[in-house]
Amino acid sequence: MTNEILAVEKARVMTVEEMNGTVSLLHKGGVTDDKPQDWRPVVLLNCTNQLVMHILNARLRGIVEKAGILEPGQSGGRQGRSTDINLTKLEWVTREAVAQGRGRGCIELT
């Protein structure tokens, strides 16, 4: 009997408890902890859910990258790309616009 057959025989539908996550607050660091901006929400998933999401993500990522569905500037959630690049571009464009008198504003990237 192959591993594929064993896997199929043991397959079952995930329960609602297995699919649900727990929302928790993670302190961003710093001196204060009394303001909402000092915290960020995170969802903690159980191991089964994490495994399923990892498999789905890997399969979908392969399909999407091969088909060229995403725009070249799309960085978030793509392997080998970072949203930091886009944030740096945004900061540069904003500063250039302000320096040329074509924009008013302030951008703070933390």
C-alpha atoms as a PDB file:
ATOM      1  CA  MET A   1       0.000   0.000   0.000  1.00  0.00           C
ATOM      2  CA  THR A   2       1.446   3.394  -0.963  1.00  0.00           C
ATOM      3  CA  ASN A   3       1.551   6.539   1.151  1.00  0.00           C
ATOM      4  CA  GLU A   4      -1.048   8.146  -1.129  1.00  0.00           C
ATOM      5  CA  ILE A   5      -3.561   5.395  -0.408  1.00  0.00           C
ATOM      6  CA  LEU A   6      -2.869   5.596   3.318  1.00  0.00           C
ATOM      7  CA  ALA A   7      -3.366   9.352   3.213  1.00  0.00           C
ATOM      8  CA  VAL A   8      -6.691   9.006   1.390  1.00  0.00           C
ATOM      9  CA  GLU A   9      -7.949   6.374   3.802  1.00  0.00           C
ATOM     10  CA  LYS A  10      -7.166   8.603   6.792  1.00  0.00           C
ATOM     11  CA  ALA A  11      -8.618  11.792   5.268  1.00  0.00           C
ATOM     12  CA  ARG A  12     -11.463  13.456   7.126  1.00  0.00           C
ATOM     13  CA  VAL A  13     -13.247  16.789   7.241  1.00  0.00           C
ATOM     14  CA  MET A  14     -11.777  19.299   9.679  1.00  0.00           C
ATOM     15  CA  THR A  15     -13.964  20.217  12.623  1.00  0.00           C
ATOM     16  CA  VAL A  16     -15.046  23.795  13.298  1.00  0.00           C
ATOM     17  CA  GLU A  17     -12.722  23.905  16.311  1.00  0.00           C
ATOM     18  CA  GLU A  18      -9.787  22.940  14.089  1.00  0.00           C
ATOM     19  CA  MET A  19     -10.599  25.651  11.555  1.00  0.00           C
ATOM     20  CA  ASN A  20     -11.016  28.475  14.061  1.00  0.00           C
ATOM     21  CA  GLY A  21      -8.170  30.621  15.278  1.00  0.00           C
ATOM     22  CA  THR A  22      -7.658  32.603  18.449  1.00  0.00           C
ATOM     23  CA  VAL A  23      -7.218  36.360  18.134  1.00  0.00           C
ATOM     24  CA  SER A  24      -4.612  37.708  20.542  1.00  0.00           C
ATOM     25  CA  LEU A  25      -2.894  41.041  20.965  1.00  0.00           C
ATOM     26  CA  LEU A  26       0.865  41.261  20.542  1.00  0.00           C
ATOM     27  CA  HIS A  27       2.727  44.199  22.082  1.00  0.00           C
ATOM     28  CA  LYS A  28       4.804  46.033  19.463  1.00  0.00           C
ATOM     29  CA  GLY A  29       7.484  46.959  21.977  1.00  0.00           C
ATOM     30  CA  GLY A  30       8.378  50.369  23.249  1.00  0.00           C
ATOM     31  CA  VAL A  31       7.800  52.100  26.527  1.00  0.00           C
ATOM     32  CA  THR A  32       4.031  52.468  26.569  1.00  0.00           C
ATOM     33  CA  ASP A  33       1.374  49.811  26.513  1.00  0.00           C
ATOM     34  CA  ASP A  34      -1.740  51.852  27.252  1.00  0.00           C
ATOM     35  CA  LYS A  35      -2.600  52.949  23.680  1.00  0.00           C
ATOM     36  CA  PRO A  36      -4.278  50.867  20.963  1.00  0.00           C
ATOM     37  CA  GLN A  37      -1.406  51.604  18.544  1.00  0.00           C
ATOM     38  CA  ASP A  38       0.993  49.865  20.956  1.00  0.00           C
ATOM     39  CA  TRP A  39      -0.612  46.532  20.074  1.00  0.00           C
ATOM     40  CA  ARG A  40      -1.231  44.489  16.935  1.00  0.00           C
ATOM     41  CA  PRO A  41      -3.760  41.698  16.518  1.00  0.00           C
ATOM     42  CA  VAL A  42      -2.517  38.251  15.528  1.00  0.00           C
ATOM     43  CA  VAL A  43      -4.451  35.077  14.850  1.00  0.00           C
ATOM     44  CA  LEU A  44      -3.072  31.923  16.415  1.00  0.00           C
ATOM     45  CA  LEU A  45      -4.034  28.811  14.453  1.00  0.00           C
ATOM     46  CA  ASN A  46      -3.795  25.236  15.587  1.00  0.00           C
ATOM     47  CA  CYS A  47      -1.300  22.900  13.909  1.00  0.00           C
ATOM     48  CA  THR A  48      -3.817  21.199  11.604  1.00  0.00           C
ATOM     49  CA  ASN A  49      -5.085  24.514  10.305  1.00  0.00           C
ATOM     50  CA  GLN A  50      -1.554  25.810   9.808  1.00  0.00           C
ATOM     51  CA  LEU A  51      -0.625  22.722   7.815  1.00  0.00           C
ATOM     52  CA  VAL A  52      -3.690  23.014   5.553  1.00  0.00           C
ATOM     53  CA  MET A  53      -3.065  26.750   5.007  1.00  0.00           C
ATOM     54  CA  HIS A  54       0.606  26.061   4.196  1.00  0.00           C
ATOM     55  CA  ILE A  55      -0.345  23.436   1.586  1.00  0.00           C
ATOM     56  CA  LEU A  56      -3.021  25.665   0.018  1.00  0.00           C
ATOM     57  CA  ASN A  57      -0.661  28.639  -0.051  1.00  0.00           C
ATOM     58  CA  ALA A  58       2.090  26.617  -1.731  1.00  0.00           C
ATOM     59  CA  ARG A  59      -0.281  25.274  -4.386  1.00  0.00           C
ATOM     60  CA  LEU A  60      -1.922  28.630  -5.097  1.00  0.00           C
ATOM     61  CA  ARG A  61       1.410  30.476  -5.126  1.00  0.00           C
ATOM     62  CA  GLY A  62       2.713  28.103  -7.798  1.00  0.00           C
ATOM     63  CA  ILE A  63      -0.394  28.554  -9.955  1.00  0.00           C
ATOM     64  CA  VAL A  64      -0.472  32.340  -9.589  1.00  0.00           C
ATOM     65  CA  GLU A  65       3.251  32.851 -10.229  1.00  0.00           C
ATOM     66  CA  LYS A  66       3.247  30.544 -13.260  1.00  0.00           C
ATOM     67  CA  ALA A  67       0.175  32.235 -14.776  1.00  0.00           C
ATOM     68  CA  GLY A  68       1.550  35.738 -14.134  1.00  0.00           C
ATOM     69  CA  ILE A  69      -1.704  36.876 -12.524  1.00  0.00           C
ATOM     70  CA  LEU A  70      -0.178  39.368 -10.097  1.00  0.00           C
ATOM     71  CA  GLU A  71       1.218  42.749 -11.062  1.00  0.00           C
ATOM     72  CA  PRO A  72       5.018  43.123 -10.909  1.00  0.00           C
ATOM     73  CA  GLY A  73       4.699  45.610  -8.013  1.00  0.00           C
ATOM     74  CA  GLN A  74       2.799  43.135  -5.835  1.00  0.00           C
ATOM     75  CA  SER A  75       5.170  42.188  -3.031  1.00  0.00           C
ATOM     76  CA  GLY A  76       3.153  41.095  -0.008  1.00  0.00           C
ATOM     77  CA  GLY A  77       2.831  37.351   0.353  1.00  0.00           C
ATOM     78  CA  ARG A  78       5.262  36.588  -2.481  1.00  0.00           C
ATOM     79  CA  GLN A  79       8.394  34.572  -1.945  1.00  0.00           C
ATOM     80  CA  GLY A  80      11.614  36.512  -2.418  1.00  0.00           C
ATOM     81  CA  ARG A  81       9.870  39.883  -2.295  1.00  0.00           C
ATOM     82  CA  SER A  82       9.412  42.292   0.546  1.00  0.00           C
ATOM     83  CA  THR A  83       6.873  45.010   1.217  1.00  0.00           C
ATOM     84  CA  ASP A  84       9.806  47.080   2.498  1.00  0.00           C
ATOM     85  CA  ILE A  85      10.750  47.822  -1.109  1.00  0.00           C
ATOM     86  CA  ASN A  86       7.327  49.308  -1.841  1.00  0.00           C
ATOM     87  CA  LEU A  87       7.356  51.288   1.397  1.00  0.00           C
ATOM     88  CA  THR A  88      10.740  52.757   0.469  1.00  0.00           C
ATOM     89  CA  LYS A  89       9.415  53.702  -2.989  1.00  0.00           C
ATOM     90  CA  LEU A  90       6.362  55.350  -1.417  1.00  0.00           C
ATOM     91  CA  GLU A  91       8.519  57.325   0.993  1.00  0.00           C
ATOM     92  CA  TRP A  92      10.816  58.483  -1.851  1.00  0.00           C
ATOM     93  CA  VAL A  93       7.922  59.527  -4.132  1.00  0.00           C
ATOM     94  CA  THR A  94       6.263  61.451  -1.300  1.00  0.00           C
ATOM     95  CA  ARG A  95       9.466  63.300  -0.374  1.00  0.00           C
ATOM     96  CA  GLU A  96      10.147  64.170  -4.035  1.00  0.00           C
ATOM     97  CA  ALA A  97       6.610  65.539  -4.475  1.00  0.00           C
ATOM     98  CA  VAL A  98       6.940  67.681  -1.345  1.00  0.00           C
ATOM     99  CA  ALA A  99      10.387  68.910  -2.427  1.00  0.00           C
ATOM    100  CA  GLN A 100       9.013  69.926  -5.842  1.00  0.00           C
ATOM    101  CA  GLY A 101       6.041  71.690  -4.267  1.00  0.00           C
ATOM    102  CA  ARG A 102       3.576  69.276  -5.840  1.00  0.00           C
ATOM    103  CA  GLY A 103       2.458  67.685  -2.646  1.00  0.00           C
ATOM    104  CA  ARG A 104       1.764  68.513   0.927  1.00  0.00           C
ATOM    105  CA  GLY A 105       1.930  65.915   3.565  1.00  0.00           C
ATOM    106  CA  CYS A 106       3.869  63.832   5.912  1.00  0.00           C
ATOM    107  CA  ILE A 107       4.688  60.177   5.753  1.00  0.00           C
ATOM    108  CA  GLU A 108       6.141  58.226   8.611  1.00  0.00           C
ATOM    109  CA  LEU A 109       7.180  54.646   8.050  1.00  0.00           C
ATOM    110  CA  THR A 110       7.832  52.697  11.194  1.00  0.00           C
END
